[in-house]
Amino acid sequence: MLTYQAECVVAAGNRLGEGPVWDERLGELFWVDIEGRKLQRYRPLDGRITVHGFDQKIGCAVPAEDGSWILGLADGFYRFDPETEQTGLIVHTDEPDAGNRVNDGKCDPSGRFWAGTMSAKWQRNASLYTLETGGKLTRKLTEVVCSNGLAWAADGKTMYYIDSAERIVWAFDFDPETGAIANRRVAIEYPADEPGGPDGMCIDAEGKLWIGHWGGWQAGRWDPETGKKLASVPIPVENVTSCAFGGEHFDELYITTAGGGSGQNTGKQPLAGGLFRVKVDVPGLPVQRARV
């Protein structure tokens, strides 16, 4: 198994760093601190860091074709202009528990924004939604506990999905034209001895999944066809949350982490909540932009 060596590029101290996205038009890495209620930007060219704050928890953010960003804030979906910092509501979610909040999200190859919610009581009462043109919101999955990682195969015919209450990465047949999902099946099931559980993820040009291991001190590269782990990036932080490809050639993997930790690990991770980067052998794909 390959092992890569990562570096911490921003000692951000995030409470819950998540949702990294590389914007190749700007040459910047965007990511959120859910608990810190902020969207952060890192420009490798000169090390510039910009922070946008919000009055709700922010679960995810994706760039739109028109230059704005679509945000998943706690209670719904919003359009955000990073230049003026104006935020406008698109649509609220429709959750059975008002305490549920929007968590991870990404766009499919047709520009629909997929984002799910996390149960406030860690019960199967959360959802996975799609947001389409005109603010049309559709619930795609119910009985979710903690909606998390999303990825699509390069041909657009398979969608991968993580509910972090399970040690499973699910695969669905995907129709790019309609956004329909079908034939839910197990792509990867974490072995009992695999440290941590699956959180956020991204996909590389060979169709392999890179997954943040919450509680596992690493990000891993997995083959969804065989279910086998192929590589690991050890991170000196217990809770590794997500990853995204960036850089000029999309061969730099950015990895987000959370602060804190469990038991004796709390307070013993000086880089917890930091943003990490590692050069990898197989590049990723450009971000899919929202068309909503």
C-alpha atoms as a PDB file:
ATOM      1  CA  MET A   1       0.000   0.000   0.000  1.00  0.00           C
ATOM      2  CA  LEU A   2       1.286   3.452  -0.901  1.00  0.00           C
ATOM      3  CA  THR A   3       1.826   5.988   1.881  1.00  0.00           C
ATOM      4  CA  TYR A   4       2.049   9.702   1.163  1.00  0.00           C
ATOM      5  CA  GLN A   5       3.468  12.509   3.311  1.00  0.00           C
ATOM      6  CA  ALA A   6       1.278  15.598   3.776  1.00  0.00           C
ATOM      7  CA  GLU A   7       2.135  19.090   4.991  1.00  0.00           C
ATOM      8  CA  CYS A   8      -0.007  21.562   6.895  1.00  0.00           C
ATOM      9  CA  VAL A   9      -0.411  24.639   4.683  1.00  0.00           C
ATOM     10  CA  VAL A  10      -2.834  26.584   6.903  1.00  0.00           C
ATOM     11  CA  ALA A  11      -2.865  26.100  10.671  1.00  0.00           C
ATOM     12  CA  ALA A  12      -6.447  27.335  10.695  1.00  0.00           C
ATOM     13  CA  GLY A  13      -7.501  25.911  14.047  1.00  0.00           C
ATOM     14  CA  ASN A  14     -10.960  25.146  12.670  1.00  0.00           C
ATOM     15  CA  ARG A  15     -13.503  23.640  15.030  1.00  0.00           C
ATOM     16  CA  LEU A  16     -14.918  21.573  12.163  1.00  0.00           C
ATOM     17  CA  GLY A  17     -13.063  22.130   8.910  1.00  0.00           C
ATOM     18  CA  GLU A  18     -14.935  20.571   5.982  1.00  0.00           C
ATOM     19  CA  GLY A  19     -15.941  20.728   2.316  1.00  0.00           C
ATOM     20  CA  PRO A  20     -12.764  21.747   0.448  1.00  0.00           C
ATOM     21  CA  VAL A  21     -13.314  22.994  -3.117  1.00  0.00           C
ATOM     22  CA  TRP A  22     -10.686  24.176  -5.601  1.00  0.00           C
ATOM     23  CA  ASP A  23     -11.756  27.081  -7.811  1.00  0.00           C
ATOM     24  CA  GLU A  24      -9.415  26.912 -10.808  1.00  0.00           C
ATOM     25  CA  ARG A  25     -10.653  30.278 -12.125  1.00  0.00           C
ATOM     26  CA  LEU A  26      -9.381  32.013  -8.989  1.00  0.00           C
ATOM     27  CA  GLY A  27      -6.557  29.617  -8.119  1.00  0.00           C
ATOM     28  CA  GLU A  28      -7.934  29.317  -4.586  1.00  0.00           C
ATOM     29  CA  LEU A  29      -8.980  26.576  -2.208  1.00  0.00           C
ATOM     30  CA  PHE A  30     -12.281  27.269  -0.457  1.00  0.00           C
ATOM     31  CA  TRP A  31     -13.355  25.337   2.638  1.00  0.00           C
ATOM     32  CA  VAL A  32     -15.729  25.790   5.559  1.00  0.00           C
ATOM     33  CA  ASP A  33     -15.531  25.712   9.322  1.00  0.00           C
ATOM     34  CA  ILE A  34     -19.005  24.451  10.126  1.00  0.00           C
ATOM     35  CA  GLU A  35     -18.950  25.232  13.830  1.00  0.00           C
ATOM     36  CA  GLY A  36     -16.987  28.428  13.302  1.00  0.00           C
ATOM     37  CA  ARG A  37     -19.641  29.597  10.809  1.00  0.00           C
ATOM     38  CA  LYS A  38     -17.153  30.721   8.193  1.00  0.00           C
ATOM     39  CA  LEU A  39     -16.109  30.189   4.593  1.00  0.00           C
ATOM     40  CA  GLN A  40     -12.331  30.353   4.157  1.00  0.00           C
ATOM     41  CA  ARG A  41     -10.146  30.893   1.099  1.00  0.00           C
ATOM     42  CA  TYR A  42      -6.482  30.033   0.639  1.00  0.00           C
ATOM     43  CA  ARG A  43      -4.460  31.255  -2.343  1.00  0.00           C
ATOM     44  CA  PRO A  44      -1.254  29.204  -2.663  1.00  0.00           C
ATOM     45  CA  LEU A  45       0.316  31.736  -5.029  1.00  0.00           C
ATOM     46  CA  ASP A  46       0.969  34.184  -2.204  1.00  0.00           C
ATOM     47  CA  GLY A  47      -0.471  32.497   0.896  1.00  0.00           C
ATOM     48  CA  ARG A  48      -3.368  34.939   1.151  1.00  0.00           C
ATOM     49  CA  ILE A  49      -6.209  33.822   3.406  1.00  0.00           C
ATOM     50  CA  THR A  50      -9.663  35.391   3.286  1.00  0.00           C
ATOM     51  CA  VAL A  51     -12.512  34.610   5.685  1.00  0.00           C
ATOM     52  CA  HIS A  52     -16.257  35.230   5.232  1.00  0.00           C
ATOM     53  CA  GLY A  53     -18.446  34.909   8.336  1.00  0.00           C
ATOM     54  CA  PHE A  54     -22.110  33.904   8.611  1.00  0.00           C
ATOM     55  CA  ASP A  55     -24.808  33.934  11.290  1.00  0.00           C
ATOM     56  CA  GLN A  56     -25.571  30.219  10.827  1.00  0.00           C
ATOM     57  CA  LYS A  57     -23.469  27.089  10.646  1.00  0.00           C
ATOM     58  CA  ILE A  58     -22.231  26.544   7.101  1.00  0.00           C
ATOM     59  CA  GLY A  59     -22.146  22.937   5.932  1.00  0.00           C
ATOM     60  CA  CYS A  60     -20.872  23.339   2.373  1.00  0.00           C
ATOM     61  CA  ALA A  61     -20.161  25.759  -0.449  1.00  0.00           C
ATOM     62  CA  VAL A  62     -19.823  25.302  -4.215  1.00  0.00           C
ATOM     63  CA  PRO A  63     -18.995  27.757  -7.012  1.00  0.00           C
ATOM     64  CA  ALA A  64     -21.699  28.611  -9.521  1.00  0.00           C
ATOM     65  CA  GLU A  65     -21.228  29.255 -13.224  1.00  0.00           C
ATOM     66  CA  ASP A  66     -22.119  32.933 -12.800  1.00  0.00           C
ATOM     67  CA  GLY A  67     -19.302  33.606 -10.312  1.00  0.00           C
ATOM     68  CA  SER A  68     -21.454  33.458  -7.195  1.00  0.00           C
ATOM     69  CA  TRP A  69     -21.325  30.619  -4.677  1.00  0.00           C
ATOM     70  CA  ILE A  70     -24.148  28.380  -3.486  1.00  0.00           C
ATOM     71  CA  LEU A  71     -24.050  27.757   0.252  1.00  0.00           C
ATOM     72  CA  GLY A  72     -25.627  25.128   2.415  1.00  0.00           C
ATOM     73  CA  LEU A  73     -26.347  27.006   5.626  1.00  0.00           C
ATOM     74  CA  ALA A  74     -28.029  25.309   8.568  1.00  0.00           C
ATOM     75  CA  ASP A  75     -31.619  25.880   7.442  1.00  0.00           C
ATOM     76  CA  GLY A  76     -31.327  25.875   3.658  1.00  0.00           C
ATOM     77  CA  PHE A  77     -29.596  26.999   0.500  1.00  0.00           C
ATOM     78  CA  TYR A  78     -28.328  30.499  -0.223  1.00  0.00           C
ATOM     79  CA  ARG A  79     -26.558  32.407  -2.988  1.00  0.00           C
ATOM     80  CA  PHE A  80     -23.438  34.265  -1.882  1.00  0.00           C
ATOM     81  CA  ASP A  81     -21.447  36.947  -3.692  1.00  0.00           C
ATOM     82  CA  PRO A  82     -17.861  36.763  -2.382  1.00  0.00           C
ATOM     83  CA  GLU A  83     -17.093  40.265  -3.678  1.00  0.00           C
ATOM     84  CA  THR A  84     -19.966  42.086  -1.959  1.00  0.00           C
ATOM     85  CA  GLU A  85     -20.525  39.452   0.773  1.00  0.00           C
ATOM     86  CA  GLN A  86     -24.258  39.622   0.102  1.00  0.00           C
ATOM     87  CA  THR A  87     -26.191  36.444   0.935  1.00  0.00           C
ATOM     88  CA  GLY A  88     -29.684  35.689  -0.345  1.00  0.00           C
ATOM     89  CA  LEU A  89     -32.008  32.811   0.470  1.00  0.00           C
ATOM     90  CA  ILE A  90     -32.826  30.402  -2.379  1.00  0.00           C
ATOM     91  CA  VAL A  91     -34.921  27.869  -0.473  1.00  0.00           C
ATOM     92  CA  HIS A  92     -35.278  26.391   3.002  1.00  0.00           C
ATOM     93  CA  THR A  93     -34.957  22.665   3.613  1.00  0.00           C
ATOM     94  CA  ASP A  94     -38.017  20.750   4.788  1.00  0.00           C
ATOM     95  CA  GLU A  95     -36.854  18.667   7.730  1.00  0.00           C
ATOM     96  CA  PRO A  96     -38.951  16.766  10.298  1.00  0.00           C
ATOM     97  CA  ASP A  97     -36.691  18.103  13.068  1.00  0.00           C
ATOM     98  CA  ALA A  98     -35.909  21.819  13.050  1.00  0.00           C
ATOM     99  CA  GLY A  99     -32.583  20.970  14.699  1.00  0.00           C
ATOM    100  CA  ASN A 100     -31.332  19.101  11.648  1.00  0.00           C
ATOM    101  CA  ARG A 101     -28.813  21.117   9.653  1.00  0.00           C
ATOM    102  CA  VAL A 102     -27.350  21.049   6.143  1.00  0.00           C
ATOM    103  CA  ASN A 103     -24.043  19.208   5.977  1.00  0.00           C
ATOM    104  CA  ASP A 104     -21.889  18.207   2.976  1.00  0.00           C
ATOM    105  CA  GLY A 105     -22.755  18.977  -0.646  1.00  0.00           C
ATOM    106  CA  LYS A 106     -21.438  18.922  -4.230  1.00  0.00           C
ATOM    107  CA  CYS A 107     -22.612  19.431  -7.791  1.00  0.00           C
ATOM    108  CA  ASP A 108     -23.269  16.626 -10.246  1.00  0.00           C
ATOM    109  CA  PRO A 109     -22.036  16.728 -13.881  1.00  0.00           C
ATOM    110  CA  SER A 110     -25.187  18.593 -14.940  1.00  0.00           C
ATOM    111  CA  GLY A 111     -24.768  21.326 -12.330  1.00  0.00           C
ATOM    112  CA  ARG A 112     -27.430  20.213  -9.848  1.00  0.00           C
ATOM    113  CA  PHE A 113     -26.414  20.911  -6.262  1.00  0.00           C
ATOM    114  CA  TRP A 114     -26.690  17.832  -4.067  1.00  0.00           C
ATOM    115  CA  ALA A 115     -26.538  18.371  -0.318  1.00  0.00           C
ATOM    116  CA  GLY A 116     -27.832  16.491   2.660  1.00  0.00           C
ATOM    117  CA  THR A 117     -28.676  17.118   6.267  1.00  0.00           C
ATOM    118  CA  MET A 118     -27.387  15.801   9.566  1.00  0.00           C
ATOM    119  CA  SER A 119     -29.765  14.612  12.249  1.00  0.00           C
ATOM    120  CA  ALA A 120     -29.661  16.709  15.401  1.00  0.00           C
ATOM    121  CA  LYS A 121     -30.441  13.610  17.467  1.00  0.00           C
ATOM    122  CA  TRP A 122     -28.356  11.149  15.398  1.00  0.00           C
ATOM    123  CA  GLN A 123     -31.500   9.399  14.228  1.00  0.00           C
ATOM    124  CA  ARG A 124     -32.656   8.332  10.761  1.00  0.00           C
ATOM    125  CA  ASN A 125     -34.631  11.503  10.153  1.00  0.00           C
ATOM    126  CA  ALA A 126     -32.307  13.455   7.857  1.00  0.00           C
ATOM    127  CA  SER A 127     -32.298  13.702   4.053  1.00  0.00           C
ATOM    128  CA  LEU A 128     -30.371  14.100   0.818  1.00  0.00           C
ATOM    129  CA  TYR A 129     -31.625  16.864  -1.496  1.00  0.00           C
ATOM    130  CA  THR A 130     -31.005  18.225  -4.976  1.00  0.00           C
ATOM    131  CA  LEU A 131     -31.293  21.907  -5.803  1.00  0.00           C
ATOM    132  CA  GLU A 132     -31.956  22.747  -9.456  1.00  0.00           C
ATOM    133  CA  THR A 133     -32.590  25.760 -11.666  1.00  0.00           C
ATOM    134  CA  GLY A 134     -35.268  28.065 -10.328  1.00  0.00           C
ATOM    135  CA  GLY A 135     -34.746  26.968  -6.731  1.00  0.00           C
ATOM    136  CA  LYS A 136     -36.481  23.614  -7.221  1.00  0.00           C
ATOM    137  CA  LEU A 137     -35.666  21.434  -4.211  1.00  0.00           C
ATOM    138  CA  THR A 138     -36.201  17.665  -4.348  1.00  0.00           C
ATOM    139  CA  ARG A 139     -35.682  15.141  -1.566  1.00  0.00           C
ATOM    140  CA  LYS A 140     -33.741  12.188  -2.995  1.00  0.00           C
ATOM    141  CA  LEU A 141     -33.113  10.069   0.106  1.00  0.00           C
ATOM    142  CA  THR A 142     -34.780   9.830   3.499  1.00  0.00           C
ATOM    143  CA  GLU A 143     -33.883   7.951   6.690  1.00  0.00           C
ATOM    144  CA  VAL A 144     -30.381   9.427   6.631  1.00  0.00           C
ATOM    145  CA  VAL A 145     -28.420  10.044   9.849  1.00  0.00           C
ATOM    146  CA  CYS A 146     -25.484  12.162   8.672  1.00  0.00           C
ATOM    147  CA  SER A 147     -25.398  12.918   4.947  1.00  0.00           C
ATOM    148  CA  ASN A 148     -21.784  13.310   3.890  1.00  0.00           C
ATOM    149  CA  GLY A 149     -19.408  12.531   1.013  1.00  0.00           C
ATOM    150  CA  LEU A 150     -20.521  12.675  -2.628  1.00  0.00           C
ATOM    151  CA  ALA A 151     -18.703  11.890  -5.874  1.00  0.00           C
ATOM    152  CA  TRP A 152     -19.519  11.024  -9.489  1.00  0.00           C
ATOM    153  CA  ALA A 153     -17.626   8.821 -11.912  1.00  0.00           C
ATOM    154  CA  ALA A 154     -16.129  10.647 -14.897  1.00  0.00           C
ATOM    155  CA  ASP A 155     -18.718   9.176 -17.269  1.00  0.00           C
ATOM    156  CA  GLY A 156     -21.509  10.504 -15.041  1.00  0.00           C
ATOM    157  CA  LYS A 157     -23.186   7.112 -14.748  1.00  0.00           C
ATOM    158  CA  THR A 158     -22.329   6.276 -11.123  1.00  0.00           C
ATOM    159  CA  MET A 159     -22.820   8.320  -7.958  1.00  0.00           C
ATOM    160  CA  TYR A 160     -21.060   7.512  -4.683  1.00  0.00           C
ATOM    161  CA  TYR A 161     -22.505   8.527  -1.339  1.00  0.00           C
ATOM    162  CA  ILE A 162     -21.646   8.333   2.360  1.00  0.00           C
ATOM    163  CA  ASP A 163     -23.934   8.404   5.372  1.00  0.00           C
ATOM    164  CA  SER A 164     -21.397   8.733   8.174  1.00  0.00           C
ATOM    165  CA  ALA A 165     -23.518   6.690  10.557  1.00  0.00           C
ATOM    166  CA  GLU A 166     -22.363   3.693   8.504  1.00  0.00           C
ATOM    167  CA  ARG A 167     -18.951   2.328   7.593  1.00  0.00           C
ATOM    168  CA  ILE A 168     -20.090   2.072   3.976  1.00  0.00           C
ATOM    169  CA  VAL A 169     -19.645   3.961   0.713  1.00  0.00           C
ATOM    170  CA  TRP A 170     -22.762   3.423  -1.402  1.00  0.00           C
ATOM    171  CA  ALA A 171     -22.923   3.374  -5.192  1.00  0.00           C
ATOM    172  CA  PHE A 172     -25.977   4.273  -7.284  1.00  0.00           C
ATOM    173  CA  ASP A 173     -26.694   4.116 -10.982  1.00  0.00           C
ATOM    174  CA  PHE A 174     -26.977   7.767 -12.023  1.00  0.00           C
ATOM    175  CA  ASP A 175     -28.794   9.413 -14.912  1.00  0.00           C
ATOM    176  CA  PRO A 176     -27.076  12.737 -15.752  1.00  0.00           C
ATOM    177  CA  GLU A 177     -30.074  13.926 -17.747  1.00  0.00           C
ATOM    178  CA  THR A 178     -32.693  13.553 -15.028  1.00  0.00           C
ATOM    179  CA  GLY A 179     -30.647  13.219 -11.838  1.00  0.00           C
ATOM    180  CA  ALA A 180     -32.383   9.928 -11.062  1.00  0.00           C
ATOM    181  CA  ILE A 181     -30.566   7.456  -8.801  1.00  0.00           C
ATOM    182  CA  ALA A 182     -31.235   3.705  -8.674  1.00  0.00           C
ATOM    183  CA  ASN A 183     -29.745   0.318  -7.819  1.00  0.00           C
ATOM    184  CA  ARG A 184     -28.248   1.248  -4.450  1.00  0.00           C
ATOM    185  CA  ARG A 185     -25.384  -1.104  -3.593  1.00  0.00           C
ATOM    186  CA  VAL A 186     -22.262  -1.329  -1.417  1.00  0.00           C
ATOM    187  CA  ALA A 187     -19.109  -0.088  -3.138  1.00  0.00           C
ATOM    188  CA  ILE A 188     -16.829  -0.052  -0.091  1.00  0.00           C
ATOM    189  CA  GLU A 189     -17.353  -1.428   3.400  1.00  0.00           C
ATOM    190  CA  TYR A 190     -14.719  -0.451   5.928  1.00  0.00           C
ATOM    191  CA  PRO A 191     -13.185  -3.537   7.585  1.00  0.00           C
ATOM    192  CA  ALA A 192     -13.536  -3.804  11.361  1.00  0.00           C
ATOM    193  CA  ASP A 193      -9.815  -3.097  11.792  1.00  0.00           C
ATOM    194  CA  GLU A 194      -9.772   0.003   9.562  1.00  0.00           C
ATOM    195  CA  PRO A 195      -9.139   3.104  11.717  1.00  0.00           C
ATOM    196  CA  GLY A 196     -11.906   5.683  11.542  1.00  0.00           C
ATOM    197  CA  GLY A 197     -15.069   5.894   9.492  1.00  0.00           C
ATOM    198  CA  PRO A 198     -15.847   7.498   6.106  1.00  0.00           C
ATOM    199  CA  ASP A 199     -16.570  11.236   6.022  1.00  0.00           C
ATOM    200  CA  GLY A 200     -16.124  13.506   2.980  1.00  0.00           C
ATOM    201  CA  MET A 201     -14.597  12.347  -0.302  1.00  0.00           C
ATOM    202  CA  CYS A 202     -13.539  13.139  -3.851  1.00  0.00           C
ATOM    203  CA  ILE A 203     -12.705  11.104  -6.952  1.00  0.00           C
ATOM    204  CA  ASP A 204      -9.557  10.976  -9.092  1.00  0.00           C
ATOM    205  CA  ALA A 205      -9.032  10.544 -12.833  1.00  0.00           C
ATOM    206  CA  GLU A 206      -8.791   6.760 -12.437  1.00  0.00           C
ATOM    207  CA  GLY A 207     -12.147   6.569 -10.673  1.00  0.00           C
ATOM    208  CA  LYS A 208     -10.658   5.878  -7.261  1.00  0.00           C
ATOM    209  CA  LEU A 209     -12.132   7.550  -4.166  1.00  0.00           C
ATOM    210  CA  TRP A 210     -10.143   9.597  -1.682  1.00  0.00           C
ATOM    211  CA  ILE A 211     -11.918   9.625   1.672  1.00  0.00           C
ATOM    212  CA  GLY A 212     -11.343  11.468   4.940  1.00  0.00           C
ATOM    213  CA  HIS A 213     -11.282   9.024   7.870  1.00  0.00           C
ATOM    214  CA  TRP A 214     -13.097  10.582  10.832  1.00  0.00           C
ATOM    215  CA  GLY A 215     -11.348   9.238  13.924  1.00  0.00           C
ATOM    216  CA  GLY A 216      -8.726   7.536  11.762  1.00  0.00           C
ATOM    217  CA  TRP A 217      -5.773   9.979  11.547  1.00  0.00           C
ATOM    218  CA  GLN A 218      -5.641   9.697   7.742  1.00  0.00           C
ATOM    219  CA  ALA A 219      -7.144  10.122   4.324  1.00  0.00           C
ATOM    220  CA  GLY A 220      -7.344   6.946   2.242  1.00  0.00           C
ATOM    221  CA  ARG A 221      -7.509   6.063  -1.453  1.00  0.00           C
ATOM    222  CA  TRP A 222     -10.039   3.318  -2.149  1.00  0.00           C
ATOM    223  CA  ASP A 223     -11.083   1.315  -5.204  1.00  0.00           C
ATOM    224  CA  PRO A 224     -14.906   1.322  -5.457  1.00  0.00           C
ATOM    225  CA  GLU A 225     -14.819  -1.602  -7.870  1.00  0.00           C
ATOM    226  CA  THR A 226     -12.976  -3.979  -5.526  1.00  0.00           C
ATOM    227  CA  GLY A 227     -13.698  -2.268  -2.186  1.00  0.00           C
ATOM    228  CA  LYS A 228      -9.974  -2.347  -1.359  1.00  0.00           C
ATOM    229  CA  LYS A 229      -7.839   0.386   0.171  1.00  0.00           C
ATOM    230  CA  LEU A 230      -4.939   1.387  -2.077  1.00  0.00           C
ATOM    231  CA  ALA A 231      -3.103   4.210  -0.309  1.00  0.00           C
ATOM    232  CA  SER A 232      -3.021   6.258   2.881  1.00  0.00           C
ATOM    233  CA  VAL A 233      -2.072   9.810   3.795  1.00  0.00           C
ATOM    234  CA  PRO A 234      -1.309   9.880   7.536  1.00  0.00           C
ATOM    235  CA  ILE A 235      -2.431  13.152   9.154  1.00  0.00           C
ATOM    236  CA  PRO A 236      -1.383  14.213  12.690  1.00  0.00           C
ATOM    237  CA  VAL A 237      -5.024  14.925  13.524  1.00  0.00           C
ATOM    238  CA  GLU A 238      -7.563  12.390  14.758  1.00  0.00           C
ATOM    239  CA  ASN A 239     -10.600  13.660  12.866  1.00  0.00           C
ATOM    240  CA  VAL A 240      -9.857  13.964   9.150  1.00  0.00           C
ATOM    241  CA  THR A 241     -12.973  15.239   7.423  1.00  0.00           C
ATOM    242  CA  SER A 242     -12.691  15.608   3.651  1.00  0.00           C
ATOM    243  CA  CYS A 243     -10.443  16.167   0.648  1.00  0.00           C
ATOM    244  CA  ALA A 244     -10.390  17.817  -2.786  1.00  0.00           C
ATOM    245  CA  PHE A 245      -8.006  18.037  -5.705  1.00  0.00           C
ATOM    246  CA  GLY A 246      -6.429  21.364  -6.564  1.00  0.00           C
ATOM    247  CA  GLY A 247      -3.394  23.060  -8.023  1.00  0.00           C
ATOM    248  CA  GLU A 248      -2.650  23.912 -11.642  1.00  0.00           C
ATOM    249  CA  HIS A 249      -2.650  20.247 -12.673  1.00  0.00           C
ATOM    250  CA  PHE A 250      -5.162  18.984 -10.077  1.00  0.00           C
ATOM    251  CA  ASP A 251      -2.463  16.744  -8.596  1.00  0.00           C
ATOM    252  CA  GLU A 252      -2.472  18.313  -5.138  1.00  0.00           C
ATOM    253  CA  LEU A 253      -4.875  16.810  -2.629  1.00  0.00           C
ATOM    254  CA  TYR A 254      -6.128  19.257   0.009  1.00  0.00           C
ATOM    255  CA  ILE A 255      -7.332  17.673   3.243  1.00  0.00           C
ATOM    256  CA  THR A 256      -9.480  19.276   5.954  1.00  0.00           C
ATOM    257  CA  THR A 257      -9.557  18.376   9.634  1.00  0.00           C
ATOM    258  CA  ALA A 258     -11.492  19.112  12.810  1.00  0.00           C
ATOM    259  CA  GLY A 259     -10.344  20.298  16.195  1.00  0.00           C
ATOM    260  CA  GLY A 260     -10.767  18.405  19.426  1.00  0.00           C
ATOM    261  CA  GLY A 261     -10.630  14.627  19.452  1.00  0.00           C
ATOM    262  CA  SER A 262     -11.647  11.821  21.742  1.00  0.00           C
ATOM    263  CA  GLY A 263     -10.461  11.041  25.240  1.00  0.00           C
ATOM    264  CA  GLN A 264      -6.750  11.522  25.781  1.00  0.00           C
ATOM    265  CA  ASN A 265      -6.272  12.836  22.228  1.00  0.00           C
ATOM    266  CA  THR A 266      -8.093  16.081  23.019  1.00  0.00           C
ATOM    267  CA  GLY A 267      -5.624  18.930  23.249  1.00  0.00           C
ATOM    268  CA  LYS A 268      -2.693  16.822  22.034  1.00  0.00           C
ATOM    269  CA  GLN A 269      -2.981  17.707  18.355  1.00  0.00           C
ATOM    270  CA  PRO A 270      -1.464  21.139  17.740  1.00  0.00           C
ATOM    271  CA  LEU A 271      -2.442  21.060  14.053  1.00  0.00           C
ATOM    272  CA  ALA A 272      -6.054  19.940  14.640  1.00  0.00           C
ATOM    273  CA  GLY A 273      -8.391  21.988  12.485  1.00  0.00           C
ATOM    274  CA  GLY A 274      -5.641  22.675   9.976  1.00  0.00           C
ATOM    275  CA  LEU A 275      -5.661  22.438   6.182  1.00  0.00           C
ATOM    276  CA  PHE A 276      -3.199  19.922   4.735  1.00  0.00           C
ATOM    277  CA  ARG A 277      -1.840  19.284   1.249  1.00  0.00           C
ATOM    278  CA  VAL A 278      -0.116  16.347  -0.441  1.00  0.00           C
ATOM    279  CA  LYS A 279       1.165  15.782  -3.988  1.00  0.00           C
ATOM    280  CA  VAL A 280      -0.330  12.599  -5.445  1.00  0.00           C
ATOM    281  CA  ASP A 281       0.435  10.454  -8.496  1.00  0.00           C
ATOM    282  CA  VAL A 282      -3.029  10.435 -10.090  1.00  0.00           C
ATOM    283  CA  PRO A 283      -4.737  13.818 -10.590  1.00  0.00           C
ATOM    284  CA  GLY A 284      -8.337  14.652  -9.871  1.00  0.00           C
ATOM    285  CA  LEU A 285     -10.986  16.381 -11.965  1.00  0.00           C
ATOM    286  CA  PRO A 286     -12.085  20.034 -12.050  1.00  0.00           C
ATOM    287  CA  VAL A 287     -14.956  21.013  -9.795  1.00  0.00           C
ATOM    288  CA  GLN A 288     -18.479  20.783 -11.194  1.00  0.00           C
ATOM    289  CA  ARG A 289     -20.078  24.237 -10.967  1.00  0.00           C
ATOM    290  CA  ALA A 290     -23.632  24.906  -9.926  1.00  0.00           C
ATOM    291  CA  ARG A 291     -26.214  25.840 -12.525  1.00  0.00           C
ATOM    292  CA  VAL A 292     -29.023  26.883 -10.234  1.00  0.00           C
END
